[in-house]
Protein backbone atom coordinates (compact mmCIF):
# COMPACT_ATOMS: atom_id res chain seq x y z
CA MET A 1 -25.45 -44.64 -182.66
CA ALA A 2 -24.74 -48.68 -182.03
CA ASP A 3 -21.61 -49.29 -185.05
CA LEU A 4 -22.49 -53.08 -187.02
CA PRO A 5 -20.19 -55.59 -184.25
CA THR A 6 -22.37 -53.92 -181.14
CA LEU A 7 -25.82 -54.45 -183.56
CA LYS A 8 -24.74 -57.72 -184.26
CA LYS A 9 -24.44 -58.42 -180.49
CA PHE A 10 -27.93 -57.93 -179.84
CA GLU A 11 -29.07 -60.32 -181.77
CA ALA A 12 -28.79 -62.88 -180.12
CA LEU A 13 -31.20 -60.82 -177.72
CA SER A 14 -34.92 -61.80 -177.23
CA PRO A 15 -36.77 -58.01 -178.55
CA PHE A 16 -38.60 -57.62 -174.77
CA GLU A 17 -34.16 -57.85 -172.97
CA ILE A 18 -33.07 -55.64 -176.88
CA LYS A 19 -36.05 -52.89 -175.04
CA ASP A 20 -34.28 -52.29 -172.17
CA GLU A 21 -31.65 -51.01 -174.72
CA LEU A 22 -33.74 -48.48 -176.98
CA ILE A 23 -35.92 -46.89 -174.08
CA LYS A 24 -32.32 -45.69 -172.05
CA LEU A 25 -31.39 -44.38 -175.51
CA ALA A 26 -35.03 -42.80 -176.36
CA LYS A 27 -35.36 -41.23 -172.89
CA GLU A 28 -31.87 -39.98 -173.69
CA ALA A 29 -33.53 -38.72 -176.89
CA SER A 30 -36.86 -37.50 -175.61
CA ARG A 31 -34.69 -35.31 -172.77
CA THR A 32 -32.16 -33.68 -175.73
CA THR A 33 -35.08 -33.07 -177.98
CA GLN A 34 -37.25 -32.29 -175.58
CA SER A 35 -39.47 -34.42 -177.84
CA ALA A 36 -41.80 -37.43 -176.09
CA PHE A 37 -40.55 -40.38 -175.00
CA LEU A 38 -43.31 -43.11 -177.09
CA ASN A 39 -42.19 -46.40 -175.46
CA ALA A 40 -45.09 -48.24 -177.58
CA GLY A 41 -42.74 -51.61 -177.66
CA ARG A 42 -44.98 -52.83 -174.75
CA GLY A 43 -48.29 -54.78 -174.81
CA ASN A 44 -50.06 -52.95 -171.80
CA PRO A 45 -53.16 -51.02 -172.64
CA ASN A 46 -54.06 -47.47 -171.38
CA TRP A 47 -57.29 -47.84 -171.06
CA ILE A 48 -58.93 -50.16 -167.92
CA ALA A 49 -62.96 -51.39 -167.63
CA THR A 50 -63.84 -49.50 -165.03
CA THR A 51 -67.60 -50.49 -164.13
CA PRO A 52 -66.63 -54.21 -162.87
CA ARG A 53 -63.55 -52.79 -160.75
CA GLU A 54 -66.27 -50.68 -159.10
CA GLY A 55 -68.53 -53.78 -158.19
CA PHE A 56 -65.16 -55.60 -157.03
CA PHE A 57 -64.15 -52.68 -154.42
CA LEU A 58 -67.88 -52.03 -153.41
CA LEU A 59 -68.11 -55.96 -152.85
CA GLY A 60 -65.57 -56.52 -150.37
CA GLN A 61 -66.72 -53.88 -148.65
CA PHE A 62 -69.84 -55.79 -148.20
CA ALA A 63 -67.82 -58.52 -146.95
CA ILE A 64 -66.06 -57.19 -144.31
CA THR A 65 -69.03 -56.29 -142.54
CA GLU A 66 -69.67 -59.91 -142.98
CA SER A 67 -66.26 -60.71 -141.34
CA LYS A 68 -66.84 -58.42 -138.86
CA ARG A 69 -70.60 -59.69 -138.14
CA VAL A 70 -69.27 -63.07 -137.24
CA MET A 71 -66.35 -61.73 -134.95
CA ASN A 72 -65.14 -58.44 -134.46
CA HIS A 73 -62.52 -57.44 -131.99
CA PRO A 74 -61.03 -54.81 -130.90
CA ALA A 75 -58.24 -55.52 -132.00
CA GLY A 76 -59.50 -55.43 -135.57
CA VAL A 77 -59.74 -59.51 -136.02
CA GLY A 78 -62.73 -60.12 -138.11
CA GLY A 79 -63.86 -63.91 -138.52
CA MET A 80 -64.95 -65.96 -141.73
CA PRO A 81 -68.20 -64.62 -143.87
CA GLN A 82 -71.03 -67.75 -143.51
CA LYS A 83 -73.32 -68.75 -145.77
CA ASP A 84 -76.79 -68.90 -144.40
CA GLY A 85 -79.09 -66.14 -145.07
CA ILE A 86 -75.37 -64.12 -147.10
CA ALA A 87 -77.79 -62.85 -149.80
CA GLN A 88 -80.54 -61.30 -148.35
CA ARG A 89 -77.86 -59.60 -145.45
CA PHE A 90 -76.05 -58.53 -149.37
CA ASP A 91 -79.66 -57.07 -150.84
CA ASP A 92 -80.43 -54.94 -147.58
CA TRP A 93 -76.33 -53.77 -147.23
CA LEU A 94 -76.38 -52.61 -150.69
CA ALA A 95 -80.37 -51.14 -150.63
CA LYS A 96 -78.48 -48.79 -147.67
CA HIS A 97 -75.75 -48.11 -150.50
CA GLU A 98 -77.78 -47.79 -153.23
CA ASP A 99 -75.73 -44.62 -154.26
CA ALA A 100 -72.60 -45.84 -154.13
CA PRO A 101 -70.37 -46.18 -157.36
CA GLY A 102 -70.62 -50.02 -158.70
CA ALA A 103 -74.14 -50.48 -156.76
CA ALA A 104 -75.88 -50.48 -159.81
CA PHE A 105 -74.01 -53.16 -161.17
CA LEU A 106 -73.75 -55.59 -158.30
CA GLY A 107 -76.98 -55.98 -157.80
CA SER A 108 -77.98 -56.47 -161.55
CA MET A 109 -74.89 -58.70 -161.72
CA VAL A 110 -75.80 -61.01 -158.82
CA ASP A 111 -79.59 -61.26 -160.07
CA PHE A 112 -78.23 -61.67 -163.53
CA ALA A 113 -76.17 -64.66 -162.75
CA THR A 114 -78.53 -66.35 -160.51
CA ASP A 115 -81.00 -65.92 -163.14
CA LYS A 116 -78.90 -67.17 -166.27
CA PHE A 117 -77.30 -70.18 -164.60
CA ASP A 118 -79.22 -71.56 -162.04
CA PHE A 119 -77.38 -70.54 -158.97
CA ASP A 120 -78.04 -70.76 -155.14
CA ARG A 121 -78.30 -66.92 -154.56
CA ASP A 122 -76.14 -67.90 -151.09
CA ALA A 123 -74.00 -70.23 -152.59
CA PHE A 124 -73.07 -67.54 -155.16
CA LEU A 125 -72.45 -64.42 -152.93
CA HIS A 126 -71.04 -66.85 -150.37
CA GLU A 127 -68.38 -67.60 -152.72
CA LEU A 128 -67.97 -64.17 -154.16
CA VAL A 129 -67.58 -62.70 -150.45
CA ASP A 130 -65.01 -65.25 -149.03
CA SER A 131 -63.25 -65.33 -151.66
CA ILE A 132 -62.69 -61.69 -152.17
CA ILE A 133 -61.78 -61.60 -148.05
CA GLY A 134 -59.23 -64.04 -149.14
CA ASP A 135 -59.51 -66.47 -146.20
CA ASN A 136 -59.49 -69.88 -147.74
CA TYR A 137 -57.01 -71.80 -150.33
CA PRO A 138 -58.71 -72.36 -153.64
CA VAL A 139 -61.34 -74.70 -153.59
CA PRO A 140 -61.16 -76.67 -155.75
CA ASP A 141 -58.11 -75.91 -156.72
CA ARG A 142 -58.80 -75.74 -160.04
CA MET A 143 -61.22 -73.18 -159.75
CA LEU A 144 -63.51 -71.87 -158.08
CA VAL A 145 -67.94 -73.61 -159.52
CA HIS A 146 -69.82 -70.98 -159.76
CA ASN A 147 -66.26 -68.93 -161.25
CA GLU A 148 -65.90 -72.05 -163.75
CA ARG A 149 -68.97 -72.09 -165.66
CA ILE A 150 -69.92 -68.21 -165.56
CA VAL A 151 -65.79 -67.97 -167.33
CA HIS A 152 -66.90 -70.66 -169.51
CA GLU A 153 -69.80 -69.11 -170.87
CA TYR A 154 -68.12 -65.73 -171.30
CA LEU A 155 -64.89 -68.51 -173.67
CA MET A 156 -68.12 -69.23 -175.46
CA TRP A 157 -68.93 -66.20 -176.49
CA ALA A 158 -65.25 -64.42 -176.53
CA MET A 159 -63.41 -67.64 -178.11
CA CYS A 160 -65.91 -70.09 -180.13
CA GLY A 161 -67.90 -68.11 -181.62
CA ASN A 162 -70.60 -70.14 -183.69
CA PRO A 163 -71.41 -72.30 -183.95
CA ARG A 164 -70.68 -73.84 -180.29
CA PRO A 165 -69.08 -76.25 -180.08
CA PRO A 166 -71.26 -79.38 -178.01
CA GLY A 167 -69.82 -80.68 -175.10
CA LYS A 168 -67.85 -78.32 -172.56
CA PHE A 169 -64.25 -77.56 -171.68
CA ASP A 170 -62.28 -78.20 -168.32
CA LEU A 171 -60.74 -74.70 -167.09
CA TYR A 172 -57.88 -73.77 -164.87
CA ALA A 173 -57.75 -70.30 -163.44
CA VAL A 174 -54.33 -69.20 -163.30
CA GLU A 175 -52.11 -66.32 -163.56
CA GLY A 176 -52.03 -64.57 -166.99
CA GLY A 177 -51.37 -66.70 -170.26
CA THR A 178 -47.49 -66.58 -169.25
CA ALA A 179 -48.22 -69.20 -166.74
CA ALA A 180 -50.63 -70.89 -168.59
CA MET A 181 -47.67 -71.57 -171.30
CA CYS A 182 -45.18 -71.83 -168.84
CA TYR A 183 -47.50 -74.78 -166.87
CA ILE A 184 -48.53 -76.71 -170.56
CA PHE A 185 -45.32 -76.77 -171.30
CA LYS A 186 -43.96 -78.31 -168.48
CA THR A 187 -46.95 -81.01 -168.39
CA LEU A 188 -46.54 -81.95 -172.12
CA LYS A 189 -43.24 -82.66 -171.00
CA ALA A 190 -43.53 -84.88 -168.17
CA ASN A 191 -46.73 -86.65 -169.31
CA ARG A 192 -44.02 -87.73 -171.99
CA LEU A 193 -46.42 -86.05 -174.72
CA LEU A 194 -43.64 -84.46 -175.81
CA LEU A 195 -40.06 -85.14 -175.60
CA PRO A 196 -36.60 -84.01 -175.52
CA GLY A 197 -36.01 -83.70 -179.59
CA ASP A 198 -39.15 -84.07 -180.62
CA THR A 199 -40.43 -81.52 -183.41
CA ILE A 200 -43.26 -79.39 -183.15
CA ALA A 201 -44.51 -76.51 -185.51
CA LEU A 202 -44.97 -73.45 -184.95
CA GLY A 203 -47.03 -70.44 -186.75
CA THR A 204 -44.95 -67.64 -187.50
CA PRO A 205 -44.42 -64.59 -187.02
CA ILE A 206 -44.94 -65.85 -183.31
CA PHE A 207 -44.75 -64.14 -179.87
CA THR A 208 -41.47 -64.87 -178.66
CA PRO A 209 -40.93 -66.48 -175.70
CA TYR A 210 -42.90 -69.54 -177.92
CA LEU A 211 -39.77 -69.33 -180.48
CA GLU A 212 -37.34 -68.79 -177.53
CA MET A 213 -39.15 -71.83 -174.48
CA THR A 214 -38.81 -74.60 -176.99
CA HIS A 215 -34.66 -73.99 -177.12
CA LEU A 216 -34.77 -74.33 -173.21
CA GLU A 217 -32.71 -77.31 -172.63
CA ASP A 218 -35.70 -78.31 -170.25
CA TYR A 219 -37.85 -79.06 -173.52
CA ASP A 220 -34.74 -79.21 -176.49
CA LEU A 221 -37.38 -79.25 -178.93
CA LYS A 222 -37.03 -78.77 -182.74
CA THR A 223 -39.55 -76.69 -184.75
CA VAL A 224 -40.85 -76.41 -188.18
CA HIS A 225 -41.81 -72.82 -188.86
CA ILE A 226 -45.31 -72.51 -190.60
CA LYS A 227 -45.41 -69.41 -192.23
CA ALA A 228 -47.93 -66.32 -192.79
CA PRO A 229 -46.22 -64.12 -195.34
CA GLN A 230 -47.59 -60.41 -195.95
CA GLU A 231 -48.37 -61.48 -199.40
CA ASN A 232 -50.90 -63.90 -198.64
CA ARG A 233 -52.62 -61.26 -195.78
CA PHE A 234 -50.75 -62.56 -192.60
CA GLN A 235 -52.83 -66.66 -193.75
CA PHE A 236 -50.87 -69.30 -193.59
CA THR A 237 -50.74 -70.34 -197.45
CA ASP A 238 -51.42 -74.32 -198.87
CA GLU A 239 -47.91 -75.19 -198.97
CA GLU A 240 -47.39 -74.06 -195.26
CA ILE A 241 -49.89 -76.26 -194.03
CA LYS A 242 -49.18 -79.06 -196.17
CA LYS A 243 -45.95 -79.27 -193.55
CA LEU A 244 -48.43 -80.61 -191.11
CA GLU A 245 -49.08 -83.39 -192.85
CA ASP A 246 -45.76 -84.78 -191.65
CA PRO A 247 -46.11 -87.46 -188.77
CA LYS A 248 -42.99 -86.26 -186.52
CA ILE A 249 -45.03 -83.18 -185.82
CA LYS A 250 -46.39 -84.07 -182.83
CA ALA A 251 -48.08 -80.64 -181.69
CA PHE A 252 -48.80 -77.03 -183.26
CA PHE A 253 -48.86 -73.59 -181.65
CA ILE A 254 -49.97 -70.58 -182.86
CA VAL A 255 -51.14 -67.07 -181.46
CA ASN A 256 -54.88 -66.20 -182.98
CA PRO A 257 -54.92 -63.25 -183.62
CA GLY A 258 -51.51 -62.87 -184.36
CA ASN A 259 -48.50 -60.99 -182.55
CA PRO A 260 -46.63 -59.00 -183.91
CA THR A 261 -49.41 -59.44 -187.10
CA GLY A 262 -52.53 -58.57 -185.18
CA MET A 263 -53.58 -60.67 -187.68
CA ALA A 264 -56.47 -63.15 -186.74
CA LEU A 265 -57.07 -66.99 -188.92
CA SER A 266 -59.59 -65.98 -191.20
CA LYS A 267 -62.45 -68.52 -191.76
CA GLU A 268 -61.00 -69.94 -194.86
CA THR A 269 -57.53 -70.61 -193.09
CA ILE A 270 -59.52 -71.94 -190.43
CA GLY A 271 -61.89 -74.85 -192.68
CA LYS A 272 -57.95 -75.90 -194.25
CA LEU A 273 -56.60 -76.68 -190.51
CA THR A 274 -60.26 -78.27 -189.47
CA ASN A 275 -59.82 -80.58 -192.62
CA LEU A 276 -55.98 -81.08 -192.45
CA VAL A 277 -56.46 -82.86 -188.46
CA LYS A 278 -60.00 -84.56 -189.35
CA THR A 279 -58.62 -86.34 -192.56
CA LYS A 280 -54.95 -86.41 -192.19
CA ARG A 281 -54.38 -85.54 -188.35
CA PRO A 282 -56.90 -86.89 -185.86
CA ASP A 283 -53.64 -86.92 -183.72
CA LEU A 284 -52.55 -83.55 -184.30
CA MET A 285 -52.26 -81.56 -180.57
CA LEU A 286 -53.00 -78.37 -180.90
CA LEU A 287 -52.01 -74.80 -178.36
CA THR A 288 -53.58 -71.62 -179.78
CA ASP A 289 -53.38 -68.16 -177.48
CA ASP A 290 -56.67 -65.91 -178.09
CA VAL A 291 -55.76 -63.05 -175.75
CA TYR A 292 -56.62 -60.39 -178.86
CA GLY A 293 -59.53 -62.28 -180.09
CA THR A 294 -61.88 -59.75 -178.57
CA PHE A 295 -60.66 -57.26 -180.98
CA VAL A 296 -62.38 -59.33 -184.34
CA ASP A 297 -65.33 -59.00 -185.07
CA ASP A 298 -66.79 -62.16 -185.36
CA PHE A 299 -63.88 -64.25 -184.14
CA ARG A 300 -63.84 -67.76 -184.33
CA SER A 301 -60.57 -70.12 -182.58
CA LEU A 302 -59.35 -73.24 -182.89
CA LEU A 303 -60.85 -74.25 -179.54
CA GLY A 304 -64.32 -73.64 -181.05
CA GLU A 305 -63.53 -75.52 -184.58
CA LEU A 306 -61.24 -78.53 -182.92
CA PRO A 307 -62.55 -78.65 -179.37
CA HIS A 308 -60.73 -82.08 -179.12
CA ASN A 309 -57.32 -80.80 -180.04
CA THR A 310 -56.99 -78.25 -178.55
CA ILE A 311 -55.82 -76.47 -175.86
CA GLY A 312 -57.29 -73.26 -175.46
CA VAL A 313 -55.50 -70.39 -173.51
CA TYR A 314 -57.02 -66.84 -173.00
CA SER A 315 -55.81 -64.00 -170.65
CA TYR A 316 -57.88 -61.06 -170.01
CA SER A 317 -55.22 -58.49 -169.60
CA LYS A 318 -55.60 -56.55 -172.59
CA TYR A 319 -59.02 -56.45 -172.88
CA PHE A 320 -60.03 -55.37 -169.14
CA GLY A 321 -56.79 -53.47 -169.04
CA CYS A 322 -55.45 -55.80 -166.01
CA THR A 323 -51.88 -56.96 -166.94
CA GLY A 324 -51.40 -56.46 -163.50
CA TRP A 325 -54.40 -58.79 -162.05
CA ARG A 326 -52.20 -61.74 -163.65
CA LEU A 327 -55.88 -63.24 -164.60
CA GLY A 328 -55.68 -66.35 -167.44
CA VAL A 329 -57.59 -69.38 -168.15
CA ILE A 330 -56.13 -72.75 -169.18
CA ALA A 331 -59.09 -74.83 -170.90
CA VAL A 332 -59.13 -78.43 -171.91
CA HIS A 333 -62.40 -79.92 -173.17
CA GLU A 334 -64.04 -83.04 -171.10
CA ASP A 335 -62.77 -85.37 -174.49
CA ASN A 336 -59.73 -84.32 -175.85
CA ILE A 337 -56.85 -86.63 -177.88
CA PHE A 338 -54.71 -85.46 -174.69
CA ASP A 339 -56.54 -88.20 -172.48
CA LYS A 340 -56.10 -90.28 -174.18
CA ALA A 341 -52.62 -90.02 -175.32
CA LEU A 342 -51.97 -90.60 -171.75
CA GLY A 343 -53.75 -93.78 -171.64
CA ASN A 344 -52.10 -95.21 -174.62
CA LEU A 345 -48.35 -94.30 -172.93
CA PRO A 346 -45.82 -97.19 -172.76
CA ASP A 347 -46.18 -99.61 -169.70
CA ALA A 348 -43.11 -98.82 -167.85
CA VAL A 349 -44.30 -94.41 -168.75
CA LEU A 350 -47.60 -95.22 -167.41
CA LYS A 351 -45.86 -96.92 -164.11
CA THR A 352 -43.25 -93.62 -163.76
CA LEU A 353 -46.28 -91.87 -163.96
CA ASP A 354 -47.90 -93.62 -161.65
CA LYS A 355 -45.21 -92.72 -159.05
CA ARG A 356 -45.66 -88.98 -160.02
CA TYR A 357 -49.25 -88.82 -159.25
CA GLY A 358 -49.59 -91.62 -156.67
CA ALA A 359 -50.15 -89.12 -153.65
CA LEU A 360 -52.85 -87.56 -154.74
CA THR A 361 -55.40 -90.61 -155.28
CA LEU A 362 -55.35 -93.76 -155.75
CA GLU A 363 -55.97 -94.36 -159.01
CA PRO A 364 -53.27 -91.58 -161.08
CA ARG A 365 -53.76 -93.15 -164.43
CA LYS A 366 -57.71 -91.46 -164.23
CA VAL A 367 -56.24 -87.79 -163.37
CA LYS A 368 -57.13 -86.27 -166.54
CA PHE A 369 -54.67 -83.87 -168.61
CA ILE A 370 -55.99 -80.52 -167.06
CA ASP A 371 -55.99 -82.08 -163.59
CA ARG A 372 -51.80 -82.97 -163.97
CA ILE A 373 -51.38 -79.47 -164.97
CA VAL A 374 -52.33 -78.91 -162.04
CA ALA A 375 -50.89 -80.13 -159.99
CA ASP A 376 -47.12 -79.72 -161.96
CA SER A 377 -47.71 -75.97 -161.53
CA ARG A 378 -47.04 -76.60 -158.37
CA ASP A 379 -44.58 -79.50 -158.40
CA VAL A 380 -47.06 -82.00 -157.23
CA ALA A 381 -46.20 -82.25 -153.91
CA LEU A 382 -47.53 -78.41 -153.50
CA ASN A 383 -50.80 -80.17 -155.42
CA HIS A 384 -53.32 -79.07 -152.21
CA THR A 385 -52.11 -75.10 -151.51
CA ALA A 386 -52.59 -74.97 -155.96
CA GLY A 387 -54.51 -72.46 -157.63
CA LEU A 388 -55.43 -69.08 -158.49
CA SER A 389 -55.82 -66.53 -155.56
CA LEU A 390 -59.35 -66.37 -154.76
CA PRO A 391 -59.73 -62.23 -155.03
CA GLN A 392 -58.18 -62.71 -158.68
CA GLN A 393 -61.05 -65.46 -158.98
CA VAL A 394 -63.54 -62.72 -157.76
CA MET A 395 -62.20 -60.30 -160.07
CA MET A 396 -62.40 -62.81 -163.02
CA SER A 397 -66.62 -63.90 -163.05
CA LEU A 398 -67.11 -59.61 -162.30
CA PHE A 399 -65.01 -59.27 -165.92
CA SER A 400 -67.10 -61.96 -167.42
CA LEU A 401 -70.30 -61.01 -166.23
CA PHE A 402 -70.15 -57.34 -167.26
CA GLU A 403 -69.44 -58.71 -171.29
CA MET A 404 -71.89 -61.04 -170.84
CA MET A 405 -74.61 -58.21 -169.63
CA ASP A 406 -73.41 -55.77 -172.04
CA VAL A 407 -75.97 -57.26 -174.42
CA GLU A 408 -75.47 -54.53 -176.92
CA LYS A 409 -70.97 -54.76 -176.58
CA ALA A 410 -70.49 -50.89 -175.85
CA TYR A 411 -67.88 -52.16 -174.70
CA GLN A 412 -65.87 -54.01 -176.97
CA LYS A 413 -66.74 -51.10 -179.85
CA ALA A 414 -65.05 -48.39 -177.81
CA CYS A 415 -62.00 -50.84 -177.29
CA LYS A 416 -62.11 -51.32 -180.88
CA GLU A 417 -62.74 -47.88 -181.24
CA ILE A 418 -59.52 -47.13 -179.55
CA VAL A 419 -57.67 -49.34 -181.61
CA ASN A 420 -58.20 -48.58 -184.79
CA HIS A 421 -57.75 -44.95 -184.33
CA ARG A 422 -54.58 -45.10 -183.71
CA ALA A 423 -53.83 -47.48 -186.04
CA TRP A 424 -55.50 -45.53 -189.43
CA LEU A 425 -53.19 -42.92 -188.03
CA MET A 426 -50.45 -44.43 -188.23
CA ILE A 427 -51.16 -45.63 -191.60
CA GLU A 428 -52.54 -42.60 -192.58
CA THR A 429 -49.17 -40.51 -191.41
CA LEU A 430 -46.52 -43.23 -193.19
CA GLY A 431 -48.66 -42.04 -196.33
CA LEU A 432 -50.34 -45.87 -197.04
CA LYS A 433 -52.73 -47.46 -198.61
CA VAL A 434 -54.35 -50.18 -197.08
CA ASN A 435 -57.74 -51.48 -197.38
CA PRO A 436 -59.24 -52.52 -194.23
CA ASN A 437 -59.13 -56.14 -193.10
CA GLU A 438 -62.36 -57.92 -191.41
CA ASN A 439 -59.43 -60.08 -189.56
CA PHE A 440 -57.44 -57.36 -188.64
CA ASP A 441 -57.47 -57.25 -184.31
CA ALA A 442 -55.64 -53.37 -184.60
CA TYR A 443 -53.82 -54.44 -181.21
CA TYR A 444 -50.93 -54.36 -182.68
CA GLY A 445 -48.89 -53.60 -186.41
CA LEU A 446 -46.28 -55.30 -188.06
CA ILE A 447 -44.47 -52.15 -190.06
CA ASP A 448 -42.71 -53.23 -193.02
CA PHE A 449 -39.76 -50.98 -193.61
CA GLU A 450 -38.27 -52.99 -196.49
CA PHE A 451 -41.92 -53.54 -198.35
CA TRP A 452 -42.66 -49.40 -197.20
CA ALA A 453 -39.11 -48.65 -198.47
CA ARG A 454 -39.43 -49.50 -201.60
CA LYS A 455 -42.65 -47.55 -202.46
CA ASN A 456 -40.95 -44.13 -200.80
CA ILE A 457 -37.09 -43.91 -201.03
CA GLY A 458 -36.73 -46.67 -204.30
CA GLU A 459 -35.38 -49.49 -204.93
CA ASP A 460 -31.68 -48.82 -204.82
CA ALA A 461 -31.66 -47.70 -201.61
CA VAL A 462 -33.23 -50.50 -200.06
CA GLU A 463 -30.65 -52.62 -202.09
CA TYR A 464 -28.04 -50.12 -201.01
CA LEU A 465 -29.72 -50.19 -196.90
CA LYS A 466 -29.41 -54.52 -196.74
CA LYS A 467 -26.03 -54.32 -197.47
CA ASN A 468 -24.68 -51.90 -195.75
CA VAL A 469 -27.20 -51.16 -192.63
CA HIS A 470 -27.84 -53.86 -189.81
CA PRO A 471 -32.10 -54.34 -189.29
CA LEU A 472 -31.52 -53.75 -185.86
CA ASP A 473 -30.19 -50.42 -186.89
CA LEU A 474 -33.97 -48.86 -187.58
CA ALA A 475 -34.83 -49.91 -184.09
CA PHE A 476 -32.27 -48.40 -182.61
CA ARG A 477 -32.40 -45.04 -184.88
CA LEU A 478 -35.77 -44.78 -183.69
CA ALA A 479 -35.16 -44.72 -180.74
CA GLU A 480 -31.64 -42.50 -180.44
CA SER A 481 -33.38 -39.68 -182.64
CA HIS A 482 -36.71 -39.28 -182.36
CA GLY A 483 -37.35 -41.23 -178.44
CA VAL A 484 -39.36 -44.13 -180.41
CA VAL A 485 -39.22 -47.43 -179.01
CA LEU A 486 -40.54 -50.52 -181.52
CA LEU A 487 -39.58 -53.98 -181.37
CA ASN A 488 -37.18 -55.55 -184.09
CA GLY A 489 -39.67 -57.60 -185.95
CA GLY A 490 -36.51 -59.96 -186.66
CA GLY A 491 -37.33 -61.28 -183.09
CA PHE A 492 -41.05 -62.66 -184.17
CA SER A 493 -40.02 -64.23 -186.84
CA ALA A 494 -41.37 -61.51 -188.96
CA PRO A 495 -39.43 -59.87 -191.70
CA ASP A 496 -36.12 -58.83 -190.54
CA TRP A 497 -36.54 -55.24 -191.75
CA SER A 498 -39.86 -55.17 -189.84
CA LEU A 499 -41.70 -53.21 -185.82
CA ARG A 500 -43.77 -54.09 -184.16
CA VAL A 501 -45.98 -51.58 -182.97
CA SER A 502 -47.92 -51.41 -179.87
CA LEU A 503 -51.64 -49.39 -180.44
CA ALA A 504 -52.74 -50.19 -177.43
CA ASN A 505 -50.45 -48.32 -174.50
CA LEU A 506 -50.14 -44.58 -175.92
CA PRO A 507 -52.22 -41.28 -176.16
CA ASP A 508 -53.62 -41.59 -179.72
CA GLU A 509 -51.36 -38.55 -181.34
CA ALA A 510 -48.56 -40.49 -180.13
CA TYR A 511 -48.74 -42.85 -182.98
CA GLU A 512 -48.85 -40.14 -185.74
CA ASP A 513 -45.18 -39.30 -184.17
CA ILE A 514 -44.34 -43.18 -185.12
CA GLY A 515 -45.63 -42.50 -188.11
CA ARG A 516 -43.45 -39.28 -188.52
CA GLY A 517 -40.11 -40.60 -186.87
CA VAL A 518 -40.38 -43.70 -189.34
CA ARG A 519 -40.49 -41.34 -192.59
CA SER A 520 -37.21 -39.73 -191.09
CA VAL A 521 -35.13 -42.31 -190.06
CA ALA A 522 -36.18 -43.76 -194.07
CA ARG A 523 -34.76 -40.08 -195.15
CA GLY A 524 -31.73 -40.19 -193.41
CA TYR A 525 -30.88 -43.86 -194.72
CA ARG A 526 -31.75 -42.35 -199.13
CA ASP A 527 -29.63 -39.52 -197.88
CA ALA A 528 -27.06 -41.61 -196.93
CA PHE A 529 -27.02 -43.99 -200.28
CA GLU A 530 -27.23 -40.69 -202.46
CA ALA A 531 -24.64 -38.86 -200.81
CA SER A 532 -22.58 -43.01 -201.53
CA THR A 533 -23.55 -43.01 -204.73
CA HIS A 534 -21.31 -39.12 -205.45
CA SER A 535 -18.50 -40.26 -203.76
CA PRO A 536 -15.53 -39.69 -205.54
CA LYS A 537 -14.21 -43.17 -206.59
CA GLY A 538 -10.57 -44.55 -205.67
């Protein structure tokens, strides 16, 4: 077990770096005790969406025939697929492969998309086929034309809910949600919308990188925490929301549903934030990371409620089991405060930005905020080669269309059943009495060990624990004694004596083992407390 000085050293590290040490301990424990190694520290789901993948791989086979139709050199050299007549050739080819996995989905998907969006069938199929081959640079660089319309419609369902916001969003397809974060931070700084020394607000607890990036010398931002305490069911209190009235706070960044809390903003909380922005802070920039929204019924993002103020970030990774595909999207409404803020910058700053973006256009001041994100993602000079790889964009289209075609929402129900079943297994093993919460996504859970321990090992034992044991001891003891890896909640600005558990990436029965491991550690702490009270006094 790590001693107090060692644990204090770990305080400075991100939970995702501490995790590496915990994994070493947990693997050793599983070897010596012949027990399972249970890493619930990372949120990679252990399921995938099969149907759109079957369609993707079959589409690739058709694309090769299209390439060979143009050029078929015996050395294995093919040509570039051609648009004219491709829809008829696809129909003919699919009829010959109707029994292949993915054939039924591909045929119905093309019909569905062309009908719903009034696509030209040849143009749509050529985008899919040429893109899955990957023989061109992304054009447009921000996002493929058909893919953008498809993803826009998907986001209206997945993120915006009802009522649907008026107008439309400009989208930028990126390499997952993490790339989106990096690109957005970079452009906010480059365009002087956030300057070193500026103050932003973070809705806490929050995904650790948001806490860490702000302090980098690249940004050097001051932060105010808008807290969502467990006592308020992880919703922002009125007192915390009131902090946002301070005009010094230029932006408010949130993860919704929360990571690590798993809790989405309630309708009431969204109403309070909307009222604040519309009545007192119409200038407040909002960034919302909504990757877990599809695990909550009737989810509503700030993107849908406050579209003009909000930059939306979404990743396909968790819902479709595709973290390795790196599929994300940035959404900015066509009518937004960011473009307006650019126009109101001091003349000297505008001239500096004219020089930055001047190689892209004769009228650099007309370059929209979303297009500046694209340019900055490739250091402007390489803007002509910007954009997400085309096979990735095809996969994005297929995932989106698969969900749209699922009228009964069978896939969504199945995913939610998986994580909710695991959550309740762990809750029951811990002996907790918890009322269901409609805002809980069940993708992550936050075990508030102090709250649980006060009811299970007593107030005096907990006070002894807080005076004599480092909070990180909890995560280290679970790893070393039980082969269980959970991340320390303090690293997410959650309570120090808390643990984040991923409910997505382990078999169902593992969550009972995790619950038993937590109970066992608690018994050890209680025994240590009782021994201390009976030790002879010198």
